[in-house]
Amino acid sequence: MDPKDEFEPPVVSYAHKLSNSSMIPDRSVPALRPPNVFSPGDDFTLWSFRARSYLKEVPAAQYGQYLLSLLDDSAARQLLSTGTSIEAPPAALWEILDDLFNVRQPTLLQLERFRERKQLPGESVDQFMVSLRSLATKIYAPEDRIKTEEELLQQFILGVSHPGLKAELIRRSPDNIRDAIQLGRSYEATSALEPQLHALKLTTNSSPRQPSPRSWNNRPASRMNCPYCRRFGRRAQRCGHNPPIRPTGEPLTFCNSVPVISHISHSMPPLTMSGYLDNRPVRFLVDTGASCSVVGAREFWPRGRQPAASTKLITANGAPLQTAGTASFSVSIGQLCTHHQFYCAPVTWEAILGMDFLKKYKASIDFVSGQITFDNPCPPNSGFLSSVQHSNHWAQPLVDCSPAPPEAKVTKQTLTMR
């Protein structure tokens, strides 16, 4: 036999064994693929699992020779330095290899890493569970499978990053990891569609009054012969010779939903803050992309609201959004107490503070501290701070956040992700 063949990975075939079986007399089994040659620094636990399975049918007298062929030169030298003979029993050989190459960290340190492991941005629930299992195998014994599954399920629920999914997992309390993973997959699939379902676009469209078809056909062809232009000049609107007096508003968009930061697109979630609308608690959406302020909750709409003349609310797909008129509401946010004109329209948010409100009170948003400052001309003090929160409006919070009363002094609060 060629000397170099001694170091070639063995090809173990089970065809000769199964061919003697009365159940499968003539069926041949393909040879197993040998595991990769082990080098110091590789994952010894994974490699030993494959190597033990591969060498399972090797006779004990030749076990050391086959095992040595699965080690590279550096690993073989370390085994040689221990003075162990390759004719030693397989159990003794594996014990020495385990002491040489299976680097173990303290159990408490591994447990701390397991408890602190959270779902990373862009990491799916399946990837998160694979990482948790890898850490759990270094802490818990393989025989204690029930305890391992319980710890994995508990850490998975506490470690998911999306607050909506975490609330749903806590509410349902799945009995096993498979149900929890399936719920997480369904939530990820639906979260990818929510930005499209909740996107809105607001625009103020001041459409001038159009002439009737009869007057349009009979109108003079030029401004020189037009009686309206001679009488009203460039302010004449009925004849159609002049541009509108009030310029048409440009579309301003805002998005009232957030992906799962799903972390699918990692965009900044919307800014909300608590306040009072007509002395009733409400959560305002602070939106610098909306040209006007809107009240979407029907229970806030007064009966004596005025019709919204020459104004349209347009959705993202270009369809007009039916408005129920305009009304003046009292707004209380911290120390700011004022009245403001809102449009009444069926949007998903309870109330939206658009650019008309933010510009009027000279709002300034500090994204670092998570606070918004209004320059309120009514109170004697020059300004005040109100806490702003990033939140997903469709996610039910585990603990309801009660806004401060209007007369209470609002202090600085830490920016929170809900």
Protein backbone atom coordinates (compact mmCIF):
# COMPACT_ATOMS: atom_id res chain seq x y z
CA MET A 1 0.00 0.00 0.00
CA ASP A 2 1.25 3.45 -0.85
CA PRO A 3 2.38 5.25 2.37
CA LYS A 4 0.51 8.40 1.44
CA ASP A 5 -2.75 6.45 1.38
CA GLU A 6 -2.53 6.16 5.14
CA PHE A 7 -3.36 9.85 5.43
CA GLU A 8 -6.15 9.93 2.84
CA PRO A 9 -9.68 10.31 4.30
CA PRO A 10 -11.26 6.84 4.41
CA VAL A 11 -14.30 6.01 2.32
CA VAL A 12 -16.63 4.06 4.58
CA SER A 13 -19.27 2.03 2.74
CA TYR A 14 -22.17 0.27 4.34
CA ALA A 15 -23.21 -1.65 1.27
CA HIS A 16 -21.57 -4.87 2.47
CA LYS A 17 -23.42 -4.72 5.78
CA LEU A 18 -26.87 -4.00 4.38
CA SER A 19 -26.47 -6.54 1.62
CA ASN A 20 -26.58 -9.28 4.28
CA SER A 21 -29.85 -7.96 5.67
CA SER A 22 -32.96 -10.02 4.98
CA MET A 23 -35.03 -6.81 4.65
CA ILE A 24 -32.93 -5.21 1.85
CA PRO A 25 -30.90 -8.01 0.28
CA ASP A 26 -29.70 -6.38 -2.94
CA ARG A 27 -29.93 -2.64 -2.28
CA SER A 28 -26.59 -0.78 -2.27
CA VAL A 29 -25.92 2.34 -0.17
CA PRO A 30 -23.70 5.15 -1.52
CA ALA A 31 -20.49 5.89 0.34
CA LEU A 32 -20.54 8.65 2.94
CA ARG A 33 -18.73 11.90 2.21
CA PRO A 34 -15.91 12.35 4.73
CA PRO A 35 -15.97 15.46 6.91
CA ASN A 36 -13.52 18.27 6.30
CA VAL A 37 -10.01 17.94 7.70
CA PHE A 38 -9.94 19.56 11.14
CA SER A 39 -7.65 22.51 11.82
CA PRO A 40 -7.11 24.20 15.20
CA GLY A 41 -9.56 27.08 15.45
CA ASP A 42 -12.39 25.29 13.64
CA ASP A 43 -15.69 24.54 15.36
CA PHE A 44 -14.69 21.37 17.18
CA THR A 45 -18.20 20.59 18.40
CA LEU A 46 -19.63 20.55 14.88
CA TRP A 47 -16.65 18.71 13.40
CA SER A 48 -16.65 16.01 16.09
CA PHE A 49 -20.37 15.44 15.55
CA ARG A 50 -19.76 14.73 11.86
CA ALA A 51 -16.58 12.74 12.42
CA ARG A 52 -18.16 10.45 15.04
CA SER A 53 -21.05 9.72 12.70
CA TYR A 54 -18.67 9.05 9.81
CA LEU A 55 -16.40 6.70 11.81
CA LYS A 56 -19.24 4.87 13.55
CA GLU A 57 -18.70 1.54 11.74
CA VAL A 58 -14.87 1.62 11.77
CA PRO A 59 -13.36 -1.22 13.84
CA ALA A 60 -11.76 -0.16 17.12
CA ALA A 61 -8.37 -1.55 16.09
CA GLN A 62 -8.19 0.82 13.09
CA TYR A 63 -10.13 3.74 14.61
CA GLY A 64 -7.04 5.76 15.52
CA GLN A 65 -5.59 5.53 12.01
CA TYR A 66 -8.82 6.77 10.40
CA LEU A 67 -9.21 9.52 12.98
CA LEU A 68 -5.65 10.69 12.41
CA SER A 69 -6.34 11.04 8.68
CA LEU A 70 -9.06 13.59 9.49
CA LEU A 71 -6.60 15.93 11.28
CA ASP A 72 -4.32 18.43 9.58
CA ASP A 73 -0.60 18.66 10.38
CA SER A 74 -1.00 21.20 13.19
CA ALA A 75 -3.73 19.22 14.95
CA ALA A 76 -1.79 15.96 14.47
CA ARG A 77 1.34 17.49 16.07
CA GLN A 78 -0.66 18.55 19.14
CA LEU A 79 -2.10 15.06 19.45
CA LEU A 80 1.40 13.60 19.05
CA SER A 81 2.74 15.89 21.80
CA THR A 82 0.40 14.29 24.34
CA GLY A 83 2.15 10.92 23.88
CA THR A 84 -1.11 9.16 23.09
CA SER A 85 -0.90 6.12 20.87
CA ILE A 86 -3.23 5.88 17.90
CA GLU A 87 -4.06 2.32 19.07
CA ALA A 88 -5.80 3.82 22.14
CA PRO A 89 -9.56 3.20 22.53
CA PRO A 90 -11.80 5.60 20.59
CA ALA A 91 -13.25 7.08 23.79
CA ALA A 92 -9.77 7.98 25.05
CA LEU A 93 -8.80 9.55 21.73
CA TRP A 94 -11.95 11.71 21.66
CA GLU A 95 -11.39 12.77 25.27
CA ILE A 96 -7.88 14.01 24.45
CA LEU A 97 -9.04 15.82 21.31
CA ASP A 98 -11.83 17.45 23.29
CA ASP A 99 -9.33 18.73 25.86
CA LEU A 100 -7.04 20.06 23.12
CA PHE A 101 -9.46 21.78 20.75
CA ASN A 102 -12.84 22.29 22.41
CA VAL A 103 -12.39 25.80 23.83
CA ARG A 104 -14.94 26.37 26.55
CA GLN A 105 -15.91 29.72 28.00
CA PRO A 106 -17.30 30.02 31.53
CA THR A 107 -20.95 29.01 31.69
CA LEU A 108 -21.98 32.25 33.39
CA LEU A 109 -20.38 34.28 30.62
CA GLN A 110 -22.19 32.23 27.98
CA LEU A 111 -25.45 32.61 29.90
CA GLU A 112 -24.98 36.37 30.03
CA ARG A 113 -24.49 36.51 26.25
CA PHE A 114 -27.59 34.38 25.78
CA ARG A 115 -29.73 36.64 27.98
CA GLU A 116 -28.46 39.83 26.33
CA ARG A 117 -28.98 38.57 22.77
CA LYS A 118 -31.61 40.68 20.99
CA GLN A 119 -32.86 40.65 17.43
CA LEU A 120 -30.63 42.85 15.28
CA PRO A 121 -31.88 45.33 12.65
CA GLY A 122 -32.55 43.50 9.41
CA GLU A 123 -32.35 40.09 11.10
CA SER A 124 -35.30 37.77 10.43
CA VAL A 125 -36.96 35.71 13.15
CA ASP A 126 -35.43 32.53 11.70
CA GLN A 127 -31.92 33.98 11.78
CA PHE A 128 -32.51 35.21 15.33
CA MET A 129 -33.61 31.74 16.47
CA VAL A 130 -30.55 30.09 14.84
CA SER A 131 -28.28 32.44 16.78
CA LEU A 132 -30.10 31.69 20.04
CA ARG A 133 -29.80 27.93 19.46
CA SER A 134 -26.08 28.27 18.82
CA LEU A 135 -25.64 30.02 22.17
CA ALA A 136 -27.93 27.58 24.00
CA THR A 137 -25.91 24.54 22.89
CA LYS A 138 -22.90 25.95 24.76
CA ILE A 139 -24.86 26.37 27.99
CA TYR A 140 -27.39 23.56 28.37
CA ALA A 141 -26.70 19.84 28.17
CA PRO A 142 -28.02 18.06 25.04
CA GLU A 143 -29.94 15.63 27.23
CA ASP A 144 -31.96 18.43 28.85
CA ARG A 145 -33.94 19.16 25.69
CA ILE A 146 -37.14 20.30 27.44
CA LYS A 147 -35.35 22.95 29.52
CA THR A 148 -33.44 24.14 26.46
CA GLU A 149 -36.65 24.59 24.46
CA GLU A 150 -38.27 26.51 27.32
CA GLU A 151 -35.31 28.88 27.65
CA LEU A 152 -35.17 29.39 23.89
CA LEU A 153 -38.87 30.23 23.70
CA GLN A 154 -38.63 32.70 26.59
CA GLN A 155 -35.58 34.49 25.19
CA PHE A 156 -37.08 34.58 21.69
CA ILE A 157 -40.21 36.36 22.94
CA LEU A 158 -38.21 38.85 25.02
CA GLY A 159 -35.60 39.44 22.33
CA VAL A 160 -37.70 40.24 19.25
CA SER A 161 -37.21 43.85 18.21
CA HIS A 162 -40.65 44.73 16.80
CA PRO A 163 -42.93 45.90 19.65
CA GLY A 164 -46.06 44.77 17.82
CA LEU A 165 -44.76 41.23 17.40
CA LYS A 166 -43.57 41.11 21.00
CA ALA A 167 -47.00 42.22 22.25
CA GLU A 168 -48.69 39.58 20.08
CA LEU A 169 -46.35 36.85 21.34
CA ILE A 170 -46.95 37.80 24.96
CA ARG A 171 -50.71 37.93 24.40
CA ARG A 172 -50.92 34.54 22.70
CA SER A 173 -48.21 32.83 24.80
CA PRO A 174 -47.31 30.06 22.28
CA ASP A 175 -46.58 26.65 23.80
CA ASN A 176 -43.63 25.78 21.60
CA ILE A 177 -40.95 27.37 19.45
CA ARG A 178 -42.53 26.26 16.19
CA ASP A 179 -45.74 28.23 16.87
CA ALA A 180 -43.73 31.29 17.92
CA ILE A 181 -41.60 31.16 14.75
CA GLN A 182 -44.69 30.74 12.57
CA LEU A 183 -46.33 33.77 14.18
CA GLY A 184 -43.15 35.80 13.64
CA ARG A 185 -42.99 34.81 9.96
CA SER A 186 -46.62 35.83 9.42
CA TYR A 187 -46.01 39.17 11.13
CA GLU A 188 -42.95 39.85 8.98
CA ALA A 189 -44.89 39.06 5.80
CA THR A 190 -47.77 41.40 6.69
CA SER A 191 -45.49 44.18 7.94
CA ALA A 192 -43.94 44.45 4.48
CA LEU A 193 -47.35 45.45 3.08
CA GLU A 194 -48.36 48.00 5.73
CA PRO A 195 -46.45 51.00 4.30
CA GLN A 196 -48.45 50.66 1.08
CA LEU A 197 -51.76 50.31 2.91
CA HIS A 198 -51.30 53.38 5.13
CA ALA A 199 -49.52 55.88 2.87
CA LEU A 200 -51.43 59.13 2.36
CA LYS A 201 -50.85 62.33 0.48
CA LEU A 202 -52.47 65.62 1.43
CA THR A 203 -52.76 68.57 -0.88
CA THR A 204 -54.65 71.82 -0.74
CA ASN A 205 -56.31 72.34 -4.13
CA SER A 206 -57.82 75.79 -4.50
CA SER A 207 -59.78 75.21 -7.69
CA PRO A 208 -61.26 78.40 -9.18
CA ARG A 209 -64.86 78.56 -10.10
CA GLN A 210 -65.27 77.39 -13.70
CA PRO A 211 -67.69 79.10 -16.09
CA SER A 212 -70.75 77.28 -17.35
CA PRO A 213 -70.56 75.67 -20.80
CA ARG A 214 -72.89 78.33 -22.22
CA SER A 215 -70.78 81.24 -20.99
CA TRP A 216 -67.60 79.44 -22.09
CA ASN A 217 -68.81 79.19 -25.66
CA ASN A 218 -70.01 82.78 -25.73
CA ARG A 219 -66.99 84.34 -24.06
CA PRO A 220 -64.81 86.72 -26.11
CA ALA A 221 -61.71 85.22 -27.66
CA SER A 222 -59.34 87.93 -26.32
CA ARG A 223 -58.97 89.98 -23.16
CA MET A 224 -59.34 93.22 -25.13
CA ASN A 225 -62.99 92.44 -26.02
CA CYS A 226 -63.86 90.76 -22.71
CA PRO A 227 -66.29 92.80 -20.53
CA TYR A 228 -65.10 90.98 -17.38
CA CYS A 229 -61.47 91.87 -18.05
CA ARG A 230 -62.37 95.49 -18.80
CA ARG A 231 -64.32 95.73 -15.57
CA PHE A 232 -62.16 93.70 -13.14
CA GLY A 233 -58.79 93.68 -14.91
CA ARG A 234 -56.47 90.80 -14.04
CA ARG A 235 -58.72 89.84 -11.12
CA ALA A 236 -61.45 88.67 -13.52
CA GLN A 237 -61.94 84.93 -13.00
CA ARG A 238 -65.25 83.98 -14.61
CA CYS A 239 -64.09 84.48 -18.21
CA GLY A 240 -61.08 82.22 -17.86
CA HIS A 241 -58.58 84.67 -19.36
CA ASN A 242 -56.60 85.13 -16.14
CA PRO A 243 -54.76 82.67 -13.89
CA PRO A 244 -56.27 81.87 -10.48
CA ILE A 245 -55.80 84.55 -7.84
CA ARG A 246 -54.88 81.96 -5.20
CA PRO A 247 -52.06 79.72 -6.41
CA THR A 248 -52.78 76.03 -6.47
CA GLY A 249 -51.11 74.22 -3.56
CA GLU A 250 -48.34 71.79 -4.38
CA PRO A 251 -48.82 68.19 -3.20
CA LEU A 252 -47.17 67.52 0.14
CA THR A 253 -46.88 63.93 1.20
CA PHE A 254 -46.67 62.23 4.54
CA CYS A 255 -46.48 58.60 5.48
CA ASN A 256 -48.42 57.47 8.52
CA SER A 257 -47.02 53.99 8.73
CA VAL A 258 -43.62 52.47 9.28
CA PRO A 259 -41.96 49.33 7.96
CA VAL A 260 -40.66 46.71 10.67
CA ILE A 261 -37.47 48.53 11.47
CA SER A 262 -39.40 45.92 10.51
CA HIS A 263 -36.58 46.80 10.22
CA ILE A 264 -37.12 45.88 6.61
CA SER A 265 -36.25 49.34 5.23
CA HIS A 266 -34.96 50.83 8.53
CA SER A 267 -36.65 54.16 7.90
CA MET A 268 -37.36 56.63 10.69
CA PRO A 269 -40.80 56.00 12.23
CA PRO A 270 -43.26 58.89 12.52
CA LEU A 271 -43.18 61.38 15.40
CA THR A 272 -46.11 61.48 17.77
CA MET A 273 -46.83 63.31 21.00
CA SER A 274 -49.64 63.34 23.53
CA GLY A 275 -51.95 66.26 24.04
CA TYR A 276 -55.58 67.34 24.31
CA LEU A 277 -58.08 68.19 21.59
CA ASP A 278 -61.20 69.93 22.92
CA ASN A 279 -60.17 68.79 26.44
CA ARG A 280 -60.01 65.13 25.40
CA PRO A 281 -56.73 63.16 25.30
CA VAL A 282 -55.37 62.49 21.84
CA ARG A 283 -52.11 61.46 20.21
CA PHE A 284 -50.98 63.92 17.54
CA LEU A 285 -48.94 62.95 14.49
CA VAL A 286 -46.26 65.61 13.96
CA ASP A 287 -45.94 65.74 10.17
CA THR A 288 -43.79 68.24 8.32
CA GLY A 289 -45.01 66.86 5.00
CA ALA A 290 -48.70 67.75 5.36
CA SER A 291 -49.78 71.19 4.23
CA CYS A 292 -52.80 71.30 6.55
CA SER A 293 -53.89 69.88 9.91
CA VAL A 294 -56.50 67.13 9.96
CA VAL A 295 -58.72 65.52 12.61
CA GLY A 296 -59.46 61.91 11.67
CA ALA A 297 -61.38 60.68 14.73
CA ARG A 298 -65.11 61.06 14.02
CA GLU A 299 -65.96 61.41 17.69
CA PHE A 300 -64.12 64.72 17.69
CA TRP A 301 -66.01 66.20 14.75
CA PRO A 302 -68.46 68.91 15.90
CA ARG A 303 -71.91 69.20 14.42
CA GLY A 304 -71.55 72.88 13.51
CA ARG A 305 -68.51 72.48 11.26
CA GLN A 306 -68.17 74.63 8.17
CA PRO A 307 -67.94 73.25 4.62
CA ALA A 308 -64.41 73.15 3.19
CA ALA A 309 -64.92 75.35 0.16
CA SER A 310 -62.50 75.03 -2.78
CA THR A 311 -60.34 72.50 -0.92
CA LYS A 312 -59.71 68.83 -1.63
CA LEU A 313 -57.80 66.13 0.23
CA ILE A 314 -56.07 63.79 -2.20
CA THR A 315 -54.93 60.24 -1.35
CA ALA A 316 -51.66 58.75 -2.55
CA ASN A 317 -53.23 57.11 -5.60
CA GLY A 318 -54.79 60.42 -6.71
CA ALA A 319 -58.33 59.67 -5.56
CA PRO A 320 -60.10 62.51 -3.70
CA LEU A 321 -60.68 61.98 0.01
CA GLN A 322 -64.12 63.06 1.19
CA THR A 323 -63.97 65.86 3.74
CA ALA A 324 -66.61 66.64 6.32
CA GLY A 325 -65.76 70.33 6.54
CA THR A 326 -63.57 72.40 8.80
CA ALA A 327 -63.87 73.29 12.46
CA SER A 328 -61.92 75.15 15.11
CA PHE A 329 -60.58 72.97 17.93
CA SER A 330 -58.89 73.85 21.18
CA VAL A 331 -55.39 72.35 21.29
CA SER A 332 -53.47 71.74 24.53
CA ILE A 333 -49.92 70.40 24.35
CA GLY A 334 -47.99 70.92 27.53
CA GLN A 335 -48.23 74.67 28.23
CA LEU A 336 -49.44 75.52 24.74
CA CYS A 337 -53.17 76.24 24.81
CA THR A 338 -54.66 77.65 21.64
CA HIS A 339 -57.37 77.24 18.99
CA HIS A 340 -56.64 76.04 15.48
CA GLN A 341 -58.61 75.31 12.31
CA PHE A 342 -58.61 71.62 11.32
CA TYR A 343 -60.01 69.72 8.36
CA CYS A 344 -62.31 66.84 9.28
CA ALA A 345 -61.52 63.79 7.13
CA PRO A 346 -61.50 60.02 7.78
CA VAL A 347 -57.74 59.35 8.10
CA THR A 348 -56.15 56.67 10.27
CA TRP A 349 -54.63 59.07 12.79
CA GLU A 350 -56.71 60.76 15.48
CA ALA A 351 -55.18 64.14 14.64
CA ILE A 352 -52.39 65.38 12.38
CA LEU A 353 -50.45 68.58 13.03
CA GLY A 354 -49.48 69.84 9.59
CA MET A 355 -47.22 72.62 8.42
CA ASP A 356 -49.90 75.25 8.99
CA PHE A 357 -49.81 74.51 12.74
CA LEU A 358 -46.04 73.91 12.98
CA LYS A 359 -45.22 77.09 11.07
CA LYS A 360 -47.71 79.21 12.99
CA TYR A 361 -46.16 78.30 16.34
CA LYS A 362 -42.57 78.09 15.02
CA ALA A 363 -42.07 74.45 15.90
CA SER A 364 -38.52 73.16 16.16
CA ILE A 365 -37.83 69.41 16.39
CA ASP A 366 -34.71 68.11 18.11
CA PHE A 367 -34.15 64.53 16.93
CA VAL A 368 -31.24 63.97 19.32
CA SER A 369 -33.20 64.60 22.52
CA GLY A 370 -36.54 63.58 21.02
CA GLN A 371 -38.26 66.88 21.84
CA ILE A 372 -40.22 69.50 19.99
CA THR A 373 -40.20 73.17 20.92
CA PHE A 374 -43.02 75.58 20.18
CA ASP A 375 -42.67 79.35 20.28
CA ASN A 376 -46.05 80.14 21.80
CA PRO A 377 -46.91 83.85 21.67
CA CYS A 378 -49.73 83.48 24.22
CA PRO A 379 -47.93 82.48 27.48
CA PRO A 380 -45.39 84.88 28.96
CA ASN A 381 -42.53 82.35 28.71
CA SER A 382 -40.82 82.17 25.33
CA GLY A 383 -41.13 78.46 24.75
CA PHE A 384 -41.63 75.04 26.24
CA LEU A 385 -40.64 71.47 25.52
CA SER A 386 -42.96 68.57 24.80
CA SER A 387 -41.84 64.97 24.63
CA VAL A 388 -42.01 63.40 21.18
CA GLN A 389 -42.25 59.65 20.76
CA HIS A 390 -41.46 57.40 17.84
CA SER A 391 -44.27 54.85 17.54
CA ASN A 392 -46.14 52.56 15.17
CA HIS A 393 -49.81 53.48 15.35
CA TRP A 394 -51.11 49.95 14.64
CA ALA A 395 -49.07 48.34 17.44
CA GLN A 396 -50.98 48.07 20.70
CA PRO A 397 -48.68 49.17 23.55
CA LEU A 398 -48.30 46.85 26.48
CA VAL A 399 -48.71 49.75 28.90
CA ASP A 400 -50.93 52.68 27.96
CA CYS A 401 -49.14 56.01 28.05
CA SER A 402 -51.25 58.64 29.80
CA PRO A 403 -50.55 62.18 28.55
CA ALA A 404 -49.91 64.95 31.04
CA PRO A 405 -52.86 67.27 31.82
CA PRO A 406 -52.89 70.66 30.06
CA GLU A 407 -52.05 72.67 33.12
CA ALA A 408 -49.20 70.43 34.26
CA LYS A 409 -45.66 71.51 33.50
CA VAL A 410 -44.08 69.25 30.91
CA THR A 411 -40.51 68.29 31.67
CA LYS A 412 -37.89 66.74 29.46
CA GLN A 413 -38.47 63.05 28.78
CA THR A 414 -36.27 60.48 27.16
CA LEU A 415 -37.13 59.58 23.58
CA THR A 416 -38.75 56.13 23.54
CA MET A 417 -39.38 53.59 20.79
CA ARG A 418 -42.82 51.97 21.06
